Amino acid sequence: MVFDILSAQNAEEAMDLAFFGKDYEEPQSDNATRKGNPNFGYEKTPNINLQFNEVVGMSHKEALDTYYGALKETAHCEWIIPGDAAGVGAKPAPKYDDPATKDKIDKGYQLATEFITDYEAYLGVNVASLDKTKLEGTELAGLKNRGGVLSKKIYQNCQPDQDGFTEAVFIELKKLVKLLEEAHGTPTSNTKQELEQFIAESESNADKKQALSIAKTIKYQDSDKADCVATAREKLMIPQEKSLKAARQKLKSLLAGLRIDGQDAYEVMITNIKDSETALNKAIEIWQKCQEVDAATNDDKGELLNALNNLKNDTHNSAAWTTINKYRKGDQDEGYAEEMLKKLND
């Protein structure tokens, strides 16, 4: 339901669904003739028996409050004013941050609240919705059979009675899945920021952490080496981030298998330069030159000595030079780069 509210064409349609149980057939479209959003590939499943009883373990009022919260979600809301038949001219529709739209939503919420209050007073009980075991036949079941390939994979891996799969986790998972679908499909200008924020908040939010754990059990493609969260972050990287990652990976490969006081040498050495592509590339250059010196049996022309001295004496290389000297080979007294200079000077 929350996903369908966010994916309605406009505020009026979302309110009809959230407050009055009036469903729509297809998600919003950029096109004048509604086709469903062509970018997201979302196939909507009909909502039935809409009586504020769709959310597991919640009263009618709690369900209403959840829908009201979705209507106020300006960051995730996708309402659209359609363009022409080809979608040209489509633009975002007014959301809760628009005063007139806010007024409509607030009034609709007030009306729905009054209805629920009167209805439950008539019944004489604060009626909870479906039992948790019935979730499989409602929203979760629908999500398992609609949307993109990735969302289906993630939801099909969820069971309503599995440990840790609470309604709060379910709500967070739906937010995460939407971002992952965007990342692997057509990202918005906010996708990267919102996904990174979700991941950061998962460190202190148990529901987000559990949702992230569920998503990480799935790969976007079976042939992928990493999970769908990792590949989503990879796809959202800007060129500078990709080149930084490549530099880190190259240095890590060069240092593979080496240890410093029992710890992985790369992890110890990279601490002060991990966020500088320039310093990482210089560290790579210094390491490779040291390896060349280490393997050499002579330096009759002084070329190796001159090259290594130049690398040391360039003030721009000081952080990289210090990084390489964190490693000591065998029982050497000084760092690796200094020992290679000593070898050439002897």
Protein backbone atom coordinates (compact mmCIF):
# COMPACT_ATOMS: atom_id res chain seq x y z
CA MET A 1 0.00 0.00 0.00
CA VAL A 2 2.75 2.49 0.91
CA PHE A 3 4.54 1.72 -2.35
CA ASP A 4 1.29 2.19 -4.28
CA ILE A 5 0.63 5.52 -2.56
CA LEU A 6 4.08 6.75 -3.56
CA SER A 7 3.56 5.48 -7.12
CA ALA A 8 0.15 7.09 -7.74
CA GLN A 9 -0.19 9.64 -10.55
CA ASN A 10 -0.88 12.55 -8.22
CA ALA A 11 -1.92 13.54 -4.69
CA GLU A 12 -5.62 13.14 -5.39
CA GLU A 13 -5.20 9.57 -6.60
CA ALA A 14 -2.87 8.72 -3.70
CA MET A 15 -5.39 10.16 -1.22
CA ASP A 16 -8.23 8.18 -2.79
CA LEU A 17 -6.22 5.02 -2.15
CA ALA A 18 -4.88 5.95 1.30
CA PHE A 19 -8.00 7.47 2.84
CA PHE A 20 -10.97 6.11 0.92
CA GLY A 21 -9.90 2.69 -0.36
CA LYS A 22 -10.32 3.65 -4.02
CA ASP A 23 -7.63 1.81 -5.96
CA TYR A 24 -6.08 2.68 -9.33
CA GLU A 25 -5.07 0.27 -12.09
CA GLU A 26 -1.57 1.35 -13.16
CA PRO A 27 1.32 3.28 -11.61
CA GLN A 28 1.94 6.84 -12.66
CA SER A 29 3.08 7.61 -16.17
CA ASP A 30 4.99 10.36 -17.94
CA ASN A 31 2.69 9.88 -20.92
CA ALA A 32 -0.65 11.59 -21.54
CA THR A 33 -2.10 8.17 -22.30
CA ARG A 34 -1.31 6.29 -19.14
CA LYS A 35 0.98 3.32 -19.65
CA GLY A 36 2.58 2.93 -16.24
CA ASN A 37 5.97 4.36 -15.51
CA PRO A 38 8.20 3.21 -18.42
CA ASN A 39 11.41 3.68 -16.45
CA PHE A 40 10.67 1.75 -13.30
CA GLY A 41 8.91 -1.19 -14.96
CA TYR A 42 6.48 -1.51 -12.07
CA GLU A 43 3.46 -3.75 -12.64
CA LYS A 44 0.80 -2.90 -10.11
CA THR A 45 -1.21 -5.61 -8.36
CA PRO A 46 -4.78 -4.64 -7.43
CA ASN A 47 -5.47 -3.80 -3.79
CA ILE A 48 -8.60 -5.51 -2.47
CA ASN A 49 -10.71 -5.32 0.68
CA LEU A 50 -9.33 -1.90 1.60
CA GLN A 51 -10.61 -1.19 5.09
CA PHE A 52 -7.46 0.08 6.86
CA ASN A 53 -6.74 -3.58 7.63
CA GLU A 54 -3.90 -4.11 5.16
CA VAL A 55 -0.96 -3.74 7.54
CA VAL A 56 0.01 -6.66 9.72
CA GLY A 57 -0.29 -6.19 13.47
CA MET A 58 -1.69 -2.65 13.28
CA SER A 59 -4.99 -1.13 14.28
CA HIS A 60 -7.03 0.74 11.70
CA LYS A 61 -5.68 4.05 13.05
CA GLU A 62 -2.07 2.84 12.97
CA ALA A 63 -2.52 1.76 9.36
CA LEU A 64 -4.01 5.15 8.51
CA ASP A 65 -1.06 6.89 10.16
CA THR A 66 1.32 4.80 8.04
CA TYR A 67 -0.50 5.85 4.85
CA TYR A 68 -0.54 9.47 6.02
CA GLY A 69 3.21 9.25 6.56
CA ALA A 70 3.64 7.97 3.00
CA LEU A 71 1.60 10.88 1.63
CA LYS A 72 4.03 13.25 3.36
CA GLU A 73 7.14 11.50 1.97
CA THR A 74 8.30 14.17 -0.46
CA ALA A 75 11.70 12.50 -0.93
CA HIS A 76 10.30 9.18 -2.15
CA CYS A 77 7.03 10.33 -3.70
CA GLU A 78 6.95 10.04 -7.52
CA TRP A 79 3.71 11.85 -8.47
CA ILE A 80 3.87 13.22 -12.01
CA ILE A 81 2.03 15.70 -14.20
CA PRO A 82 2.08 13.81 -17.53
CA GLY A 83 3.46 15.29 -20.72
CA ASP A 84 2.41 14.48 -24.27
CA ALA A 85 1.86 11.03 -25.79
CA ALA A 86 5.62 10.42 -25.76
CA GLY A 87 6.05 11.71 -22.23
CA VAL A 88 7.70 14.95 -23.32
CA GLY A 89 6.92 17.77 -20.93
CA ALA A 90 6.22 15.54 -17.93
CA LYS A 91 7.13 17.16 -14.63
CA PRO A 92 6.78 16.48 -10.90
CA ALA A 93 3.31 16.99 -9.49
CA PRO A 94 2.72 19.01 -6.29
CA LYS A 95 3.60 17.11 -3.11
CA TYR A 96 3.13 17.62 0.60
CA ASP A 97 5.60 20.51 0.61
CA ASP A 98 3.13 22.43 -1.58
CA PRO A 99 0.80 24.37 0.78
CA ALA A 100 -2.40 23.63 -1.15
CA THR A 101 -1.57 19.93 -1.46
CA LYS A 102 -0.61 19.76 2.22
CA ASP A 103 -3.97 21.25 3.16
CA LYS A 104 -5.85 18.63 1.09
CA ILE A 105 -3.87 15.75 2.58
CA ASP A 106 -4.25 17.00 6.14
CA LYS A 107 -8.01 17.44 5.72
CA GLY A 108 -8.33 13.97 4.20
CA TYR A 109 -6.42 12.51 7.12
CA GLN A 110 -8.67 14.29 9.59
CA LEU A 111 -11.79 12.98 7.84
CA ALA A 112 -10.43 9.41 7.73
CA THR A 113 -9.45 9.64 11.41
CA GLU A 114 -12.98 10.65 12.34
CA PHE A 115 -14.36 7.73 10.31
CA ILE A 116 -12.08 5.19 12.02
CA THR A 117 -12.82 6.59 15.47
CA ASP A 118 -16.57 6.35 14.88
CA TYR A 119 -16.26 2.90 13.30
CA GLU A 120 -14.23 1.40 16.13
CA ALA A 121 -16.50 3.02 18.70
CA TYR A 122 -19.43 1.37 16.92
CA LEU A 123 -17.68 -2.01 17.10
CA GLY A 124 -16.67 -1.35 20.70
CA VAL A 125 -13.07 -2.47 20.13
CA ASN A 126 -9.80 -1.19 18.66
CA VAL A 127 -9.61 -3.79 15.89
CA ALA A 128 -6.16 -5.01 14.84
CA SER A 129 -5.68 -5.99 11.22
CA LEU A 130 -4.63 -9.34 9.86
CA ASP A 131 -2.64 -11.81 11.91
CA LYS A 132 1.04 -11.90 10.96
CA THR A 133 0.76 -15.29 9.31
CA LYS A 134 -1.78 -13.87 6.86
CA LEU A 135 0.66 -11.36 5.44
CA GLU A 136 1.71 -13.94 2.86
CA GLY A 137 -1.70 -13.60 1.22
CA THR A 138 -1.70 -9.80 1.14
CA GLU A 139 0.90 -7.15 0.34
CA LEU A 140 4.02 -9.36 0.52
CA ALA A 141 2.43 -11.93 -1.79
CA GLY A 142 1.63 -9.17 -4.26
CA LEU A 143 5.17 -7.80 -4.18
CA LYS A 144 6.56 -11.25 -4.91
CA ASN A 145 4.83 -11.21 -8.27
CA ARG A 146 5.21 -7.66 -9.50
CA GLY A 147 7.84 -5.03 -10.17
CA GLY A 148 11.32 -5.56 -11.48
CA VAL A 149 13.39 -8.72 -11.44
CA LEU A 150 15.41 -7.61 -8.43
CA SER A 151 12.44 -6.68 -6.26
CA LYS A 152 10.79 -10.02 -7.00
CA LYS A 153 13.97 -11.85 -5.97
CA ILE A 154 14.20 -9.97 -2.69
CA TYR A 155 10.55 -10.33 -1.72
CA GLN A 156 10.43 -13.99 -2.76
CA ASN A 157 13.18 -14.57 -0.21
CA CYS A 158 10.95 -13.20 2.57
CA GLN A 159 8.46 -15.15 4.66
CA PRO A 160 5.94 -13.49 7.00
CA ASP A 161 6.85 -15.75 9.92
CA GLN A 162 10.64 -15.63 9.56
CA ASP A 163 12.69 -14.34 12.48
CA GLY A 164 13.26 -10.61 12.38
CA PHE A 165 10.75 -9.89 9.60
CA THR A 166 8.54 -7.44 11.44
CA GLU A 167 6.18 -4.92 9.93
CA ALA A 168 8.67 -2.15 10.67
CA VAL A 169 11.38 -4.09 8.82
CA PHE A 170 8.96 -4.65 5.93
CA ILE A 171 8.37 -0.90 5.63
CA GLU A 172 12.11 -0.19 5.57
CA LEU A 173 12.71 -3.01 3.10
CA LYS A 174 10.23 -1.49 0.66
CA LYS A 175 12.09 1.82 0.81
CA LEU A 176 15.41 0.04 0.24
CA VAL A 177 14.12 -2.08 -2.64
CA LYS A 178 12.87 1.04 -4.42
CA LEU A 179 16.34 2.60 -4.19
CA LEU A 180 18.04 -0.61 -5.36
CA GLU A 181 15.71 -0.84 -8.35
CA GLU A 182 16.51 2.76 -9.24
CA ALA A 183 20.25 2.15 -8.89
CA HIS A 184 20.17 -0.86 -11.19
CA GLY A 185 17.77 0.80 -13.61
CA THR A 186 17.33 4.56 -13.98
CA PRO A 187 18.69 6.46 -10.97
CA THR A 188 17.20 9.80 -9.97
CA SER A 189 19.34 12.71 -8.84
CA ASN A 190 18.71 11.62 -5.22
CA THR A 191 19.15 7.84 -5.51
CA LYS A 192 22.83 7.73 -4.55
CA GLN A 193 22.44 10.09 -1.59
CA GLU A 194 19.33 8.32 -0.27
CA LEU A 195 20.87 4.85 -0.60
CA GLU A 196 24.06 5.89 1.17
CA GLN A 197 21.98 7.59 3.87
CA PHE A 198 19.91 4.42 4.35
CA ILE A 199 23.07 2.34 4.71
CA ALA A 200 24.61 4.82 7.15
CA GLU A 201 21.43 4.92 9.26
CA SER A 202 21.35 1.11 9.37
CA GLU A 203 24.30 1.29 11.77
CA SER A 204 22.00 2.68 14.47
CA ASN A 205 18.55 1.58 13.25
CA ALA A 206 17.76 -2.10 13.82
CA ASP A 207 14.89 -2.19 11.30
CA LYS A 208 17.02 -0.69 8.53
CA LYS A 209 19.87 -3.04 9.45
CA GLN A 210 17.59 -6.08 9.14
CA ALA A 211 16.18 -4.83 5.83
CA LEU A 212 19.72 -4.34 4.53
CA SER A 213 20.66 -7.84 5.69
CA ILE A 214 17.71 -9.31 3.78
CA ALA A 215 18.62 -7.44 0.58
CA LYS A 216 22.28 -8.50 0.82
CA THR A 217 21.32 -12.16 0.47
CA ILE A 218 20.33 -11.46 -3.15
CA LYS A 219 22.45 -10.81 -6.26
CA TYR A 220 21.14 -8.62 -9.08
CA GLN A 221 22.43 -11.20 -11.56
CA ASP A 222 23.39 -14.71 -10.58
CA SER A 223 26.79 -14.19 -12.21
CA ASP A 224 27.59 -11.15 -10.03
CA LYS A 225 30.37 -11.61 -7.49
CA ALA A 226 28.80 -9.19 -5.01
CA ASP A 227 25.32 -8.79 -3.56
CA CYS A 228 22.75 -6.40 -5.02
CA VAL A 229 23.49 -3.66 -2.49
CA ALA A 230 27.19 -3.67 -3.38
CA THR A 231 26.50 -3.68 -7.12
CA ALA A 232 23.97 -0.86 -6.68
CA ARG A 233 26.59 1.26 -4.94
CA GLU A 234 29.07 0.39 -7.67
CA LYS A 235 26.67 1.52 -10.41
CA LEU A 236 26.04 4.81 -8.62
CA MET A 237 29.73 5.66 -8.30
CA ILE A 238 30.90 8.79 -10.10
CA PRO A 239 34.05 8.47 -12.27
CA GLN A 240 36.32 9.86 -9.52
CA GLU A 241 35.04 7.26 -7.06
CA LYS A 242 35.59 4.47 -9.58
CA SER A 243 39.18 5.52 -10.26
CA LEU A 244 39.83 5.82 -6.51
CA LYS A 245 38.49 2.32 -6.01
CA ALA A 246 40.68 1.03 -8.85
CA ALA A 247 43.78 2.59 -7.27
CA ARG A 248 42.96 1.00 -3.91
CA GLN A 249 42.43 -2.37 -5.57
CA LYS A 250 45.74 -2.19 -7.45
CA LEU A 251 47.73 -1.42 -4.30
CA LYS A 252 45.87 -4.14 -2.44
CA SER A 253 46.80 -6.64 -5.14
CA LEU A 254 50.47 -5.62 -4.97
CA LEU A 255 50.50 -6.13 -1.20
CA ALA A 256 48.49 -9.35 -1.21
CA GLY A 257 49.68 -11.89 1.35
CA LEU A 258 51.99 -9.49 3.22
CA ARG A 259 51.60 -8.95 6.97
CA ILE A 260 52.59 -6.26 9.46
CA ASP A 261 52.60 -7.44 13.07
CA GLY A 262 50.17 -10.18 12.13
CA GLN A 263 47.75 -7.83 10.36
CA ASP A 264 47.01 -7.48 6.67
CA ALA A 265 49.70 -5.13 5.33
CA TYR A 266 47.35 -3.27 2.99
CA GLU A 267 44.89 -2.42 5.77
CA VAL A 268 47.70 -1.11 7.98
CA MET A 269 49.50 0.85 5.27
CA ILE A 270 46.54 2.50 3.54
CA THR A 271 45.16 4.31 6.59
CA ASN A 272 46.40 7.82 5.81
CA ILE A 273 46.07 7.76 2.00
CA LYS A 274 42.95 5.69 1.34
CA ASP A 275 40.94 8.72 0.17
CA SER A 276 43.59 10.24 -2.09
CA GLU A 277 43.87 8.75 -5.56
CA THR A 278 47.06 10.73 -6.17
CA ALA A 279 48.76 9.42 -3.04
CA LEU A 280 47.63 5.88 -3.78
CA ASN A 281 49.07 6.01 -7.28
CA LYS A 282 52.34 7.39 -5.92
CA ALA A 283 52.46 4.61 -3.34
CA ILE A 284 51.96 2.11 -6.16
CA GLU A 285 54.79 3.73 -8.14
CA ILE A 286 57.15 3.71 -5.14
CA TRP A 287 56.29 0.10 -4.28
CA GLN A 288 56.88 -1.08 -7.82
CA LYS A 289 60.21 0.76 -8.01
CA CYS A 290 61.24 -0.80 -4.67
CA GLN A 291 60.32 -4.22 -6.01
CA GLU A 292 62.49 -3.53 -9.04
CA VAL A 293 65.39 -2.56 -6.78
CA ASP A 294 64.82 -5.61 -4.59
CA ALA A 295 65.11 -7.91 -7.59
CA ALA A 296 68.08 -6.12 -9.15
CA THR A 297 71.61 -7.55 -8.87
CA ASN A 298 73.35 -4.28 -9.82
CA ASP A 299 72.74 -0.61 -10.63
CA ASP A 300 75.88 0.21 -12.56
CA LYS A 301 74.41 3.28 -14.24
CA GLY A 302 72.75 4.56 -11.09
CA GLU A 303 69.36 4.71 -12.76
CA LEU A 304 67.50 2.92 -9.98
CA LEU A 305 69.15 5.04 -7.29
CA ASN A 306 68.33 8.23 -9.14
CA ALA A 307 64.70 7.18 -9.67
CA LEU A 308 64.14 6.16 -6.05
CA ASN A 309 65.83 9.31 -4.71
CA ASN A 310 63.62 11.46 -6.92
CA LEU A 311 60.53 9.73 -5.55
CA LYS A 312 61.70 10.27 -1.97
CA ASN A 313 62.73 13.90 -2.43
CA ASP A 314 59.52 15.01 -4.14
CA THR A 315 57.59 16.63 -1.27
CA HIS A 316 54.30 15.70 -2.94
CA ASN A 317 55.20 12.04 -2.33
CA SER A 318 55.82 12.26 1.42
CA ALA A 319 52.56 10.54 2.44
CA ALA A 320 53.07 7.76 -0.11
CA TRP A 321 56.73 7.32 0.91
CA THR A 322 55.71 7.03 4.57
CA THR A 323 53.04 4.51 3.60
CA ILE A 324 55.52 2.18 1.89
CA ASN A 325 57.91 2.43 4.83
CA LYS A 326 55.28 1.02 7.16
CA TYR A 327 56.25 -2.36 5.71
CA ARG A 328 59.50 -4.00 6.73
CA LYS A 329 60.75 -7.03 4.90
CA GLY A 330 62.02 -9.78 7.13
CA ASP A 331 64.28 -8.43 9.89
CA GLN A 332 65.08 -5.14 8.17
CA ASP A 333 65.77 -2.22 10.53
CA GLU A 334 64.07 0.42 8.43
CA GLY A 335 61.01 0.65 6.21
CA TYR A 336 60.99 -1.06 2.83
CA ALA A 337 61.68 2.05 0.72
CA GLU A 338 64.52 3.21 2.97
CA GLU A 339 66.06 -0.26 2.93
CA MET A 340 65.99 -0.29 -0.89
CA LEU A 341 67.78 3.07 -0.92
CA LYS A 342 70.34 1.65 1.50
CA LYS A 343 70.87 -1.32 -0.80
CA LEU A 344 71.58 0.95 -3.75
CA ASN A 345 73.95 3.16 -1.74
CA ASP A 346 75.98 0.27 -0.35
